């Protein structure tokens, strides 16, 4: 398979510019040649006019000679004939190879014939003989033909100039159309080859600034611009990989923070298990089977309770591929609440107001991470006692679920609401936060083809609204 040659952007630009310059030069050379031809034709037309005037003088002195038979008229006739020969030779010298050449040859023959007949007529002594009268008639016919040929030369040269001028007009229109076309096509090619890909890259860099690592479609330009776009996609893949590593590190950090709370949550069931075992062992000797069965049942329940706590932590920490499955929204939210309960102060109430029947296509592990981050942020915004409410409703018109996470905290200033989801942006003091929490939330919602917005007024709390489609579509 023969590969098409790859030309650099510099080479293409130089080629386009070279073609444009070559086209302008070609137009200029062709127009110059036409103007040069017109100049020559104008000179020939002037000579043709002069020749025609000379012939008219020849005929005038011919008439004077036959009227008065004066030697002076005959000499003037000869002088103008000689001048006609000189002018005819000048025309042949300047344009004898042009289309006028055959006409000049015929004119020269007629001029010689007229001169010869005039010589014969002037040598006749008698003017009443039939031979003389016949020669006079021949002379007049030859003079008439000579005049017609001179006028035809003038008309021919004039028509030639008109044709050239019409051609120049047509060429001027054609060159103008071509120049305008090139003026439109060349910028369009530059836009398509350079500015259009740059616009695509600019939009993609803005997406990266907002935490959206979208690859761009590579335009097959077969030059440096295509290489830049391919390199950009490579960079996007690497940034996405690094961000995933960073997000996973944050998750592990969160797990470390949650572990203390989990240990506290495990302490109660373990104490209950220990107490129940001690009571059961003590009652073995008395044989109170009912009490023993009740203690064993308590042990079983507390074991399941501890298992659920550990299971929730393991599910949160486990790395899994992004997968949408129908999940019960209320249960996903409750698991997140259980995990983060130890991070929420005792005087802050977390309320889940979601119907059990709401089932949404989602990646439950990642959505659990969304709610965990939002609950922690909400708890940190509340000074003293307060309440966090998580509710959901179904939007039948848009076929989506709208989830609201509302807190009674201090609220979010309007000037920073537009930057909340930017990576590494945080309002917390240095060392208190990474600025990745809401960025991670935004990325997860985007993967679900959903949307997240915030509505808040300082001193009136904040509400985060999450819209999730009911259709099973994902953006990977």
Foldseek 3Di string as FASTA:
>chain_A
DDDDDFDAPVVVVVVLVVVLVVLVVVLVVVLVVLVVVLVLLVVLLVLLVVLLVLLVLLVVLVVVCVVPVDPVSVVSNVVSLVVSVVSLVVSCVSDCVDPCVVLSVVLVVLSVVLVVLSVVLNPDPDCPDPVNVVSVVVNVVSSVVNSVSSVVSNVVSVVVSVVSVVVSVVSVVVSVVVVVVSVVVVVVCCCVLPVVLVVQVVVQVVCVQLVHLDQDDQDPPSYVSSVVSVVSNVVSVVVVVVVVVVVLVVLVVVLVVLVVVLVVQLVVLVVLLVVLVVVLVVCVVVPPVVSNVVSVVSNVVSVVSNVLSVVLSVLLNDDDDFFWDWDFPQVLLVSLCSSCVVVADPLEEEEEAEDRPDIATGRSNLVSLLNNLLVNVQRVQADGHWYWYWYWDADPVQQKIKIKTWIQGQKDDPVCQVVLLGFQDDPDDPPPDRSCSSVSSQVRLVQQVKHWHKDIDGNGTIMIIIIGHRDRDGDD
